[in-house]
Structure formats: structure tokens, C-alpha cells
């Protein structure tokens, strides 16, 4: 996963989802901000993207999870992977992250 120290405003991010037509699509968006819990990007979101990964292209690492529906280009704010793991650990859930 990526951290706020590795991201900058304007960085390219990839939205990957199974939008309209049920085929995997890859679209680019621009980074707005990233903190320990939330991210903000502007890019093309369509029905079916929710729950899909958001990847920070310069680092090649997972940044967050797409969490809202918007048809067309819009601003998306959602949870970061770092924030999800921290909240789970704070509640006593054992969390492990595997990388290839």
C-alpha cells in the first residue's frame, strides 16, 4: 500500500472496475489529496466501479477503494488502504498484508 508521504497532488492514479458491460476497465484519474484515512481523486467513474482498487501509478501500490457512484468525470473521496487497516487493527481484528 502507498502512504501520504509517497503521493502528491496531481499524481496519476488508476481506477479499475467492472463498469458498464461487465468488462474490466482501466481509467486514469488525478490525485487531489491523500491522508492516513481518506483520498480524493478526480476522474471518470461509472456504475460498477465501487469496491474496485485505486492504484497510485508512480509507486504501483494500492491507494484506496472506490466508494461512490458518479457517471462521468467527478471528484471521488474514499477510504485509503492504510486507513482501513488501521481501523480494523484498532478494533482488535488481526490484519496481514500480502504482496506478490
PDB file of N, CA and C in Angstrom:
ATOM      1  N   UNK A   1       0.836  -1.173   0.000  1.00  0.00           N
ATOM      2  CA  UNK A   1       0.000   0.000   0.000  1.00  0.00           C
ATOM      3  C   UNK A   1       0.880   1.235   0.000  1.00  0.00           C
ATOM      4  N   UNK A   2       0.331   2.315  -0.480  1.00  0.00           N
ATOM      5  CA  UNK A   2       1.067   3.570  -0.500  1.00  0.00           C
ATOM      6  C   UNK A   2       0.705   4.407   0.730  1.00  0.00           C
ATOM      7  N   UNK A   3       1.519   5.372   1.044  1.00  0.00           N
ATOM      8  CA  UNK A   3       1.289   6.257   2.185  1.00  0.00           C
ATOM      9  C   UNK A   3       1.265   7.707   1.689  1.00  0.00           C
ATOM     10  N   UNK A   4       0.722   8.626   2.493  1.00  0.00           N
ATOM     11  CA  UNK A   4       0.682  10.024   2.076  1.00  0.00           C
ATOM     12  C   UNK A   4       2.057  10.608   1.733  1.00  0.00           C
ATOM     13  N   UNK A   5       3.105  10.096   2.348  1.00  0.00           N
ATOM     14  CA  UNK A   5       4.455  10.591   2.058  1.00  0.00           C
ATOM     15  C   UNK A   5       4.882  10.265   0.621  1.00  0.00           C
ATOM     16  N   UNK A   6       4.222   9.289  -0.004  1.00  0.00           N
ATOM     17  CA  UNK A   6       4.590   8.867  -1.361  1.00  0.00           C
ATOM     18  C   UNK A   6       3.716   9.482  -2.447  1.00  0.00           C
ATOM     19  N   UNK A   7       2.694  10.242  -2.069  1.00  0.00           N
ATOM     20  CA  UNK A   7       1.773  10.796  -3.056  1.00  0.00           C
ATOM     21  C   UNK A   7       1.843  12.308  -3.095  1.00  0.00           C
ATOM     22  N   UNK A   8       1.476  12.870  -4.250  1.00  0.00           N
ATOM     23  CA  UNK A   8       1.444  14.316  -4.422  1.00  0.00           C
ATOM     24  C   UNK A   8       0.215  14.699  -5.228  1.00  0.00           C
ATOM     25  N   UNK A   9      -0.277  15.900  -5.001  1.00  0.00           N
ATOM     26  CA  UNK A   9      -1.396  16.408  -5.782  1.00  0.00           C
ATOM     27  C   UNK A   9      -1.046  16.348  -7.263  1.00  0.00           C
ATOM     28  N   UNK A  10      -1.960  15.825  -8.061  1.00  0.00           N
ATOM     29  CA  UNK A  10      -1.751  15.718  -9.498  1.00  0.00           C
ATOM     30  C   UNK A  10      -1.186  14.394  -9.950  1.00  0.00           C
ATOM     31  N   UNK A  11      -0.716  13.557  -9.028  1.00  0.00           N
ATOM     32  CA  UNK A  11      -0.202  12.239  -9.413  1.00  0.00           C
ATOM     33  C   UNK A  11      -1.281  11.446 -10.143  1.00  0.00           C
ATOM     34  N   UNK A  12      -0.896  10.659 -11.149  1.00  0.00           N
ATOM     35  CA  UNK A  12      -1.879   9.818 -11.823  1.00  0.00           C
ATOM     36  C   UNK A  12      -2.231   8.598 -10.974  1.00  0.00           C
ATOM     37  N   UNK A  13      -3.515   8.249 -10.969  1.00  0.00           N
ATOM     38  CA  UNK A  13      -3.988   7.048 -10.302  1.00  0.00           C
ATOM     39  C   UNK A  13      -4.855   6.274 -11.278  1.00  0.00           C
ATOM     40  N   UNK A  14      -4.922   4.979 -11.080  1.00  0.00           N
ATOM     41  CA  UNK A  14      -5.711   4.116 -11.959  1.00  0.00           C
ATOM     42  C   UNK A  14      -6.943   3.622 -11.233  1.00  0.00           C
ATOM     43  N   UNK A  15      -8.095   3.777 -11.873  1.00  0.00           N
ATOM     44  CA  UNK A  15      -9.353   3.226 -11.382  1.00  0.00           C
ATOM     45  C   UNK A  15      -9.578   1.939 -12.151  1.00  0.00           C
ATOM     46  N   UNK A  16      -9.757   0.855 -11.475  1.00  0.00           N
ATOM     47  CA  UNK A  16     -10.033  -0.412 -12.150  1.00  0.00           C
ATOM     48  C   UNK A  16     -11.349  -0.948 -11.628  1.00  0.00           C
ATOM     49  N   UNK A  17     -12.261  -1.180 -12.526  1.00  0.00           N
ATOM     50  CA  UNK A  17     -13.551  -1.679 -12.098  1.00  0.00           C
ATOM     51  C   UNK A  17     -14.224  -2.468 -13.198  1.00  0.00           C
ATOM     52  N   UNK A  18     -15.321  -3.029 -12.858  1.00  0.00           N
ATOM     53  CA  UNK A  18     -16.130  -3.758 -13.811  1.00  0.00           C
ATOM     54  C   UNK A  18     -17.377  -2.929 -14.067  1.00  0.00           C
ATOM     55  N   UNK A  19     -17.187  -1.838 -14.783  1.00  0.00           N
ATOM     56  CA  UNK A  19     -18.267  -0.903 -15.051  1.00  0.00           C
ATOM     57  C   UNK A  19     -19.263  -1.455 -16.051  1.00  0.00           C
ATOM     58  N   UNK A  20     -19.906  -0.571 -16.726  1.00  0.00           N
ATOM     59  CA  UNK A  20     -20.933  -0.949 -17.685  1.00  0.00           C
ATOM     60  C   UNK A  20     -20.405  -1.986 -18.668  1.00  0.00           C
ATOM     61  N   UNK A  21     -21.180  -2.986 -18.936  1.00  0.00           N
ATOM     62  CA  UNK A  21     -20.773  -4.028 -19.866  1.00  0.00           C
ATOM     63  C   UNK A  21     -20.057  -5.187 -19.211  1.00  0.00           C
ATOM     64  N   UNK A  22     -19.824  -5.097 -17.904  1.00  0.00           N
ATOM     65  CA  UNK A  22     -19.220  -6.181 -17.122  1.00  0.00           C
ATOM     66  C   UNK A  22     -17.853  -6.604 -17.620  1.00  0.00           C
ATOM     67  N   UNK A  23     -17.083  -5.687 -18.193  1.00  0.00           N
ATOM     68  CA  UNK A  23     -15.712  -5.988 -18.582  1.00  0.00           C
ATOM     69  C   UNK A  23     -14.783  -5.128 -17.752  1.00  0.00           C
ATOM     70  N   UNK A  24     -13.622  -5.664 -17.448  1.00  0.00           N
ATOM     71  CA  UNK A  24     -12.694  -4.889 -16.630  1.00  0.00           C
ATOM     72  C   UNK A  24     -12.206  -3.691 -17.434  1.00  0.00           C
ATOM     73  N   UNK A  25     -12.274  -2.542 -16.806  1.00  0.00           N
ATOM     74  CA  UNK A  25     -11.838  -1.317 -17.457  1.00  0.00           C
ATOM     75  C   UNK A  25     -10.780  -0.650 -16.606  1.00  0.00           C
ATOM     76  N   UNK A  26      -9.886   0.038 -17.267  1.00  0.00           N
ATOM     77  CA  UNK A  26      -8.853   0.788 -16.552  1.00  0.00           C
ATOM     78  C   UNK A  26      -8.915   2.230 -17.023  1.00  0.00           C
ATOM     79  N   UNK A  27      -9.110   3.122 -16.085  1.00  0.00           N
ATOM     80  CA  UNK A  27      -9.186   4.535 -16.415  1.00  0.00           C
ATOM     81  C   UNK A  27      -8.246   5.316 -15.504  1.00  0.00           C
ATOM     82  N   UNK A  28      -7.769   6.456 -15.996  1.00  0.00           N
ATOM     83  CA  UNK A  28      -6.853   7.282 -15.215  1.00  0.00           C
ATOM     84  C   UNK A  28      -7.589   8.429 -14.550  1.00  0.00           C
ATOM     85  N   UNK A  29      -7.110   8.806 -13.377  1.00  0.00           N
ATOM     86  CA  UNK A  29      -7.640   9.936 -12.627  1.00  0.00           C
ATOM     87  C   UNK A  29      -6.446  10.720 -12.082  1.00  0.00           C
ATOM     88  N   UNK A  30      -6.717  11.894 -11.532  1.00  0.00           N
ATOM     89  CA  UNK A  30      -5.660  12.733 -10.954  1.00  0.00           C
ATOM     90  C   UNK A  30      -5.853  12.826  -9.443  1.00  0.00           C
ATOM     91  N   UNK A  31      -4.768  12.694  -8.716  1.00  0.00           N
ATOM     92  CA  UNK A  31      -4.779  12.747  -7.268  1.00  0.00           C
ATOM     93  C   UNK A  31      -5.070  14.153  -6.779  1.00  0.00           C
ATOM     94  N   UNK A  32      -5.993  14.253  -5.824  1.00  0.00           N
ATOM     95  CA  UNK A  32      -6.263  15.527  -5.173  1.00  0.00           C
ATOM     96  C   UNK A  32      -5.479  15.593  -3.870  1.00  0.00           C
ATOM     97  N   UNK A  33      -5.861  14.726  -2.911  1.00  0.00           N
ATOM     98  CA  UNK A  33      -5.112  14.635  -1.663  1.00  0.00           C
ATOM     99  C   UNK A  33      -5.170  13.205  -1.151  1.00  0.00           C
ATOM    100  N   UNK A  34      -4.328  12.913  -0.196  1.00  0.00           N
ATOM    101  CA  UNK A  34      -4.270  11.606   0.452  1.00  0.00           C
ATOM    102  C   UNK A  34      -3.789  11.858   1.870  1.00  0.00           C
ATOM    103  N   UNK A  35      -4.561  11.364   2.848  1.00  0.00           N
ATOM    104  CA  UNK A  35      -4.067  11.422   4.218  1.00  0.00           C
ATOM    105  C   UNK A  35      -4.128  10.001   4.778  1.00  0.00           C
ATOM    106  N   UNK A  36      -4.002   9.840   6.062  1.00  0.00           N
ATOM    107  CA  UNK A  36      -3.962   8.493   6.630  1.00  0.00           C
ATOM    108  C   UNK A  36      -5.266   7.724   6.503  1.00  0.00           C
ATOM    109  N   UNK A  37      -6.398   8.415   6.252  1.00  0.00           N
ATOM    110  CA  UNK A  37      -7.688   7.739   6.201  1.00  0.00           C
ATOM    111  C   UNK A  37      -8.451   7.918   4.902  1.00  0.00           C
ATOM    112  N   UNK A  38      -8.286   9.052   4.234  1.00  0.00           N
ATOM    113  CA  UNK A  38      -9.074   9.354   3.043  1.00  0.00           C
ATOM    114  C   UNK A  38      -8.209   9.769   1.871  1.00  0.00           C
ATOM    115  N   UNK A  39      -8.734   9.552   0.667  1.00  0.00           N
ATOM    116  CA  UNK A  39      -8.107  10.074  -0.541  1.00  0.00           C
ATOM    117  C   UNK A  39      -9.156  10.883  -1.291  1.00  0.00           C
ATOM    118  N   UNK A  40      -8.705  11.685  -2.229  1.00  0.00           N
ATOM    119  CA  UNK A  40      -9.568  12.458  -3.101  1.00  0.00           C
ATOM    120  C   UNK A  40      -8.941  12.432  -4.486  1.00  0.00           C
ATOM    121  N   UNK A  41      -9.700  12.000  -5.488  1.00  0.00           N
ATOM    122  CA  UNK A  41      -9.225  11.997  -6.867  1.00  0.00           C
ATOM    123  C   UNK A  41     -10.313  12.561  -7.766  1.00  0.00           C
ATOM    124  N   UNK A  42      -9.907  13.033  -8.941  1.00  0.00           N
ATOM    125  CA  UNK A  42     -10.854  13.482  -9.949  1.00  0.00           C
ATOM    126  C   UNK A  42     -10.620  12.646 -11.196  1.00  0.00           C
ATOM    127  N   UNK A  43     -11.689  11.985 -11.655  1.00  0.00           N
ATOM    128  CA  UNK A  43     -11.561  11.135 -12.820  1.00  0.00           C
ATOM    129  C   UNK A  43     -12.894  10.529 -13.215  1.00  0.00           C
ATOM    130  N   UNK A  44     -12.883   9.702 -14.254  1.00  0.00           N
ATOM    131  CA  UNK A  44     -14.108   9.101 -14.770  1.00  0.00           C
ATOM    132  C   UNK A  44     -14.535   7.875 -13.956  1.00  0.00           C
ATOM    133  N   UNK A  45     -15.660   7.967 -13.299  1.00  0.00           N
ATOM    134  CA  UNK A  45     -16.222   6.852 -12.540  1.00  0.00           C
ATOM    135  C   UNK A  45     -17.541   6.454 -13.177  1.00  0.00           C
ATOM    136  N   UNK A  46     -17.811   5.161 -13.210  1.00  0.00           N
ATOM    137  CA  UNK A  46     -19.075   4.699 -13.761  1.00  0.00           C
ATOM    138  C   UNK A  46     -19.655   3.601 -12.888  1.00  0.00           C
ATOM    139  N   UNK A  47     -20.899   3.274 -13.124  1.00  0.00           N
ATOM    140  CA  UNK A  47     -21.581   2.240 -12.373  1.00  0.00           C
ATOM    141  C   UNK A  47     -20.768   0.950 -12.427  1.00  0.00           C
ATOM    142  N   UNK A  48     -20.553   0.338 -11.290  1.00  0.00           N
ATOM    143  CA  UNK A  48     -19.793  -0.906 -11.217  1.00  0.00           C
ATOM    144  C   UNK A  48     -18.380  -0.746 -10.696  1.00  0.00           C
ATOM    145  N   UNK A  49     -17.916   0.491 -10.553  1.00  0.00           N
ATOM    146  CA  UNK A  49     -16.551   0.716 -10.052  1.00  0.00           C
ATOM    147  C   UNK A  49     -16.441   0.564  -8.541  1.00  0.00           C
ATOM    148  N   UNK A  50     -17.533   0.769  -7.815  1.00  0.00           N
ATOM    149  CA  UNK A  50     -17.490   0.713  -6.349  1.00  0.00           C
ATOM    150  C   UNK A  50     -16.890  -0.600  -5.877  1.00  0.00           C
ATOM    151  N   UNK A  51     -15.979  -0.492  -4.932  1.00  0.00           N
ATOM    152  CA  UNK A  51     -15.309  -1.669  -4.395  1.00  0.00           C
ATOM    153  C   UNK A  51     -14.047  -2.037  -5.143  1.00  0.00           C
ATOM    154  N   UNK A  52     -13.818  -1.405  -6.280  1.00  0.00           N
ATOM    155  CA  UNK A  52     -12.621  -1.690  -7.069  1.00  0.00           C
ATOM    156  C   UNK A  52     -11.404  -0.971  -6.510  1.00  0.00           C
ATOM    157  N   UNK A  53     -10.212  -1.405  -6.899  1.00  0.00           N
ATOM    158  CA  UNK A  53      -8.991  -0.796  -6.382  1.00  0.00           C
ATOM    159  C   UNK A  53      -8.667   0.538  -7.030  1.00  0.00           C
ATOM    160  N   UNK A  54      -7.994   1.360  -6.266  1.00  0.00           N
ATOM    161  CA  UNK A  54      -7.446   2.615  -6.747  1.00  0.00           C
ATOM    162  C   UNK A  54      -5.936   2.485  -6.566  1.00  0.00           C
ATOM    163  N   UNK A  55      -5.177   2.562  -7.651  1.00  0.00           N
ATOM    164  CA  UNK A  55      -3.738   2.321  -7.598  1.00  0.00           C
ATOM    165  C   UNK A  55      -2.970   3.596  -7.935  1.00  0.00           C
ATOM    166  N   UNK A  56      -2.006   3.918  -7.090  1.00  0.00           N
ATOM    167  CA  UNK A  56      -1.112   5.057  -7.309  1.00  0.00           C
ATOM    168  C   UNK A  56      -0.091   4.623  -8.351  1.00  0.00           C
ATOM    169  N   UNK A  57      -0.159   5.186  -9.555  1.00  0.00           N
ATOM    170  CA  UNK A  57       0.671   4.718 -10.669  1.00  0.00           C
ATOM    171  C   UNK A  57       2.179   4.893 -10.424  1.00  0.00           C
ATOM    172  N   UNK A  58       2.660   6.047  -9.939  1.00  0.00           N
ATOM    173  CA  UNK A  58       4.112   6.172  -9.755  1.00  0.00           C
ATOM    174  C   UNK A  58       4.728   5.112  -8.837  1.00  0.00           C
ATOM    175  N   UNK A  59       4.012   4.704  -7.790  1.00  0.00           N
ATOM    176  CA  UNK A  59       4.565   3.698  -6.881  1.00  0.00           C
ATOM    177  C   UNK A  59       4.120   2.288  -7.244  1.00  0.00           C
ATOM    178  N   UNK A  60       3.014   2.170  -8.012  1.00  0.00           N
ATOM    179  CA  UNK A  60       2.474   0.864  -8.354  1.00  0.00           C
ATOM    180  C   UNK A  60       1.782   0.183  -7.189  1.00  0.00           C
ATOM    181  N   UNK A  61       1.445   0.945  -6.168  1.00  0.00           N
ATOM    182  CA  UNK A  61       0.856   0.363  -4.949  1.00  0.00           C
ATOM    183  C   UNK A  61      -0.608   0.752  -4.789  1.00  0.00           C
ATOM    184  N   UNK A  62      -1.314  -0.090  -4.034  1.00  0.00           N
ATOM    185  CA  UNK A  62      -2.719   0.177  -3.735  1.00  0.00           C
ATOM    186  C   UNK A  62      -2.831   1.432  -2.892  1.00  0.00           C
ATOM    187  N   UNK A  63      -3.797   2.278  -3.232  1.00  0.00           N
ATOM    188  CA  UNK A  63      -4.025   3.521  -2.502  1.00  0.00           C
ATOM    189  C   UNK A  63      -5.340   3.470  -1.738  1.00  0.00           C
ATOM    190  N   UNK A  64      -6.394   3.029  -2.398  1.00  0.00           N
ATOM    191  CA  UNK A  64      -7.701   3.027  -1.756  1.00  0.00           C
ATOM    192  C   UNK A  64      -8.695   2.153  -2.474  1.00  0.00           C
ATOM    193  N   UNK A  65      -9.949   2.314  -2.078  1.00  0.00           N
ATOM    194  CA  UNK A  65     -11.049   1.553  -2.656  1.00  0.00           C
ATOM    195  C   UNK A  65     -12.096   2.549  -3.154  1.00  0.00           C
ATOM    196  N   UNK A  66     -12.530   2.376  -4.397  1.00  0.00           N
ATOM    197  CA  UNK A  66     -13.554   3.249  -4.963  1.00  0.00           C
ATOM    198  C   UNK A  66     -14.843   3.042  -4.174  1.00  0.00           C
ATOM    199  N   UNK A  67     -15.431   4.151  -3.720  1.00  0.00           N
ATOM    200  CA  UNK A  67     -16.552   4.009  -2.798  1.00  0.00           C
ATOM    201  C   UNK A  67     -17.816   4.759  -3.204  1.00  0.00           C
ATOM    202  N   UNK A  68     -17.847   5.337  -4.389  1.00  0.00           N
ATOM    203  CA  UNK A  68     -19.068   6.046  -4.754  1.00  0.00           C
ATOM    204  C   UNK A  68     -19.353   5.951  -6.225  1.00  0.00           C
ATOM    205  N   UNK A  69     -20.590   6.180  -6.557  1.00  0.00           N
ATOM    206  CA  UNK A  69     -21.022   6.145  -7.946  1.00  0.00           C
ATOM    207  C   UNK A  69     -21.149   7.560  -8.471  1.00  0.00           C
ATOM    208  N   UNK A  70     -20.612   7.781  -9.615  1.00  0.00           N
ATOM    209  CA  UNK A  70     -20.750   9.056 -10.304  1.00  0.00           C
ATOM    210  C   UNK A  70     -20.611   8.738 -11.776  1.00  0.00           C
ATOM    211  N   UNK A  71     -21.482   9.231 -12.584  1.00  0.00           N
ATOM    212  CA  UNK A  71     -21.372   8.959 -14.015  1.00  0.00           C
ATOM    213  C   UNK A  71     -20.669  10.131 -14.669  1.00  0.00           C
ATOM    214  N   UNK A  72     -19.537   9.847 -15.288  1.00  0.00           N
ATOM    215  CA  UNK A  72     -18.739  10.888 -15.910  1.00  0.00           C
ATOM    216  C   UNK A  72     -17.559  11.262 -15.032  1.00  0.00           C
ATOM    217  N   UNK A  73     -16.973  12.411 -15.330  1.00  0.00           N
ATOM    218  CA  UNK A  73     -15.822  12.882 -14.566  1.00  0.00           C
ATOM    219  C   UNK A  73     -16.333  13.577 -13.307  1.00  0.00           C
ATOM    220  N   UNK A  74     -15.840  13.137 -12.157  1.00  0.00           N
ATOM    221  CA  UNK A  74     -16.259  13.742 -10.902  1.00  0.00           C
ATOM    222  C   UNK A  74     -15.147  13.597  -9.880  1.00  0.00           C
ATOM    223  N   UNK A  75     -15.375  14.172  -8.714  1.00  0.00           N
ATOM    224  CA  UNK A  75     -14.424  14.051  -7.615  1.00  0.00           C
ATOM    225  C   UNK A  75     -14.884  12.936  -6.701  1.00  0.00           C
ATOM    226  N   UNK A  76     -13.998  12.007  -6.416  1.00  0.00           N
ATOM    227  CA  UNK A  76     -14.285  10.836  -5.592  1.00  0.00           C
ATOM    228  C   UNK A  76     -13.470  10.934  -4.323  1.00  0.00           C
ATOM    229  N   UNK A  77     -14.104  10.736  -3.195  1.00  0.00           N
ATOM    230  CA  UNK A  77     -13.405  10.686  -1.912  1.00  0.00           C
ATOM    231  C   UNK A  77     -13.743   9.357  -1.274  1.00  0.00           C
ATOM    232  N   UNK A  78     -12.730   8.639  -0.819  1.00  0.00           N
ATOM    233  CA  UNK A  78     -12.988   7.335  -0.234  1.00  0.00           C
ATOM    234  C   UNK A  78     -11.905   6.903   0.725  1.00  0.00           C
ATOM    235  N   UNK A  79     -12.033   5.692   1.236  1.00  0.00           N
ATOM    236  CA  UNK A  79     -11.086   5.200   2.235  1.00  0.00           C
ATOM    237  C   UNK A  79      -9.765   4.744   1.626  1.00  0.00           C
ATOM    238  N   UNK A  80      -8.676   5.033   2.347  1.00  0.00           N
ATOM    239  CA  UNK A  80      -7.370   4.535   1.925  1.00  0.00           C
ATOM    240  C   UNK A  80      -7.166   3.132   2.491  1.00  0.00           C
ATOM    241  N   UNK A  81      -6.307   2.370   1.862  1.00  0.00           N
ATOM    242  CA  UNK A  81      -5.974   1.044   2.378  1.00  0.00           C
ATOM    243  C   UNK A  81      -5.347   1.184   3.761  1.00  0.00           C
ATOM    244  N   UNK A  82      -4.474   2.165   3.930  1.00  0.00           N
ATOM    245  CA  UNK A  82      -3.828   2.405   5.212  1.00  0.00           C
ATOM    246  C   UNK A  82      -4.879   2.680   6.293  1.00  0.00           C
ATOM    247  N   UNK A  83      -5.892   3.486   5.986  1.00  0.00           N
ATOM    248  CA  UNK A  83      -6.941   3.805   6.947  1.00  0.00           C
ATOM    249  C   UNK A  83      -7.797   2.605   7.308  1.00  0.00           C
ATOM    250  N   UNK A  84      -8.121   1.785   6.319  1.00  0.00           N
ATOM    251  CA  UNK A  84      -8.929   0.583   6.558  1.00  0.00           C
ATOM    252  C   UNK A  84      -8.202  -0.370   7.495  1.00  0.00           C
ATOM    253  N   UNK A  85      -6.918  -0.589   7.237  1.00  0.00           N
ATOM    254  CA  UNK A  85      -6.124  -1.497   8.067  1.00  0.00           C
ATOM    255  C   UNK A  85      -5.990  -0.949   9.488  1.00  0.00           C
ATOM    256  N   UNK A  86      -5.755   0.353   9.624  1.00  0.00           N
ATOM    257  CA  UNK A  86      -5.614   0.958  10.952  1.00  0.00           C
ATOM    258  C   UNK A  86      -6.905   0.836  11.759  1.00  0.00           C
ATOM    259  N   UNK A  87      -8.049   1.069  11.131  1.00  0.00           N
ATOM    260  CA  UNK A  87      -9.327   0.967  11.841  1.00  0.00           C
ATOM    261  C   UNK A  87      -9.608  -0.467  12.255  1.00  0.00           C
ATOM    262  N   UNK A  88      -9.303  -1.422  11.407  1.00  0.00           N
ATOM    263  CA  UNK A  88      -9.516  -2.829  11.748  1.00  0.00           C
ATOM    264  C   UNK A  88      -8.616  -3.231  12.917  1.00  0.00           C
ATOM    265  N   UNK A  89      -7.357  -2.822  12.873  1.00  0.00           N
ATOM    266  CA  UNK A  89      -6.415  -3.158  13.947  1.00  0.00           C
ATOM    267  C   UNK A  89      -6.841  -2.510  15.268  1.00  0.00           C
ATOM    268  N   UNK A  90      -7.375  -1.284  15.214  1.00  0.00           N
ATOM    269  CA  UNK A  90      -7.830  -0.596  16.418  1.00  0.00           C
ATOM    270  C   UNK A  90      -8.996  -1.316  17.077  1.00  0.00           C
ATOM    271  N   UNK A  91      -9.741  -2.087  16.298  1.00  0.00           N
ATOM    272  CA  UNK A  91     -10.874  -2.844  16.831  1.00  0.00           C
ATOM    273  C   UNK A  91     -10.495  -4.261  17.215  1.00  0.00           C
ATOM    274  N   UNK A  92      -9.187  -4.555  17.143  1.00  0.00           N
ATOM    275  CA  UNK A  92      -8.707  -5.861  17.557  1.00  0.00           C
ATOM    276  C   UNK A  92      -8.740  -6.931  16.478  1.00  0.00           C
ATOM    277  N   UNK A  93      -8.995  -6.545  15.241  1.00  0.00           N
ATOM    278  CA  UNK A  93      -9.020  -7.510  14.143  1.00  0.00           C
ATOM    279  C   UNK A  93      -7.582  -7.725  13.665  1.00  0.00           C
ATOM    280  N   UNK A  94      -7.180  -8.977  13.614  1.00  0.00           N
ATOM    281  CA  UNK A  94      -5.832  -9.295  13.138  1.00  0.00           C
ATOM    282  C   UNK A  94      -5.765  -9.031  11.630  1.00  0.00           C
ATOM    283  N   UNK A  95      -4.815  -8.242  11.204  1.00  0.00           N
ATOM    284  CA  UNK A  95      -4.705  -7.858   9.798  1.00  0.00           C
ATOM    285  C   UNK A  95      -3.308  -8.199   9.311  1.00  0.00           C
ATOM    286  N   UNK A  96      -3.254  -8.794   8.128  1.00  0.00           N
ATOM    287  CA  UNK A  96      -1.960  -9.036   7.494  1.00  0.00           C
ATOM    288  C   UNK A  96      -2.079  -8.596   6.043  1.00  0.00           C
ATOM    289  N   UNK A  97      -1.000  -8.083   5.504  1.00  0.00           N
ATOM    290  CA  UNK A  97      -0.972  -7.634   4.134  1.00  0.00           C
ATOM    291  C   UNK A  97       0.042  -8.488   3.393  1.00  0.00           C
ATOM    292  N   UNK A  98      -0.421  -9.094   2.308  1.00  0.00           N
ATOM    293  CA  UNK A  98       0.470  -9.920   1.495  1.00  0.00           C
ATOM    294  C   UNK A  98       0.758  -9.209   0.193  1.00  0.00           C
ATOM    295  N   UNK A  99       1.986  -9.277  -0.241  1.00  0.00           N
ATOM    296  CA  UNK A  99       2.364  -8.709  -1.532  1.00  0.00           C
ATOM    297  C   UNK A  99       3.005  -9.806  -2.360  1.00  0.00           C
ATOM    298  N   UNK A 100       2.878  -9.706  -3.670  1.00  0.00           N
ATOM    299  CA  UNK A 100       3.467 -10.743  -4.530  1.00  0.00           C
ATOM    300  C   UNK A 100       4.965 -10.746  -4.493  1.00  0.00           C
TER     301      UNK A 100
END
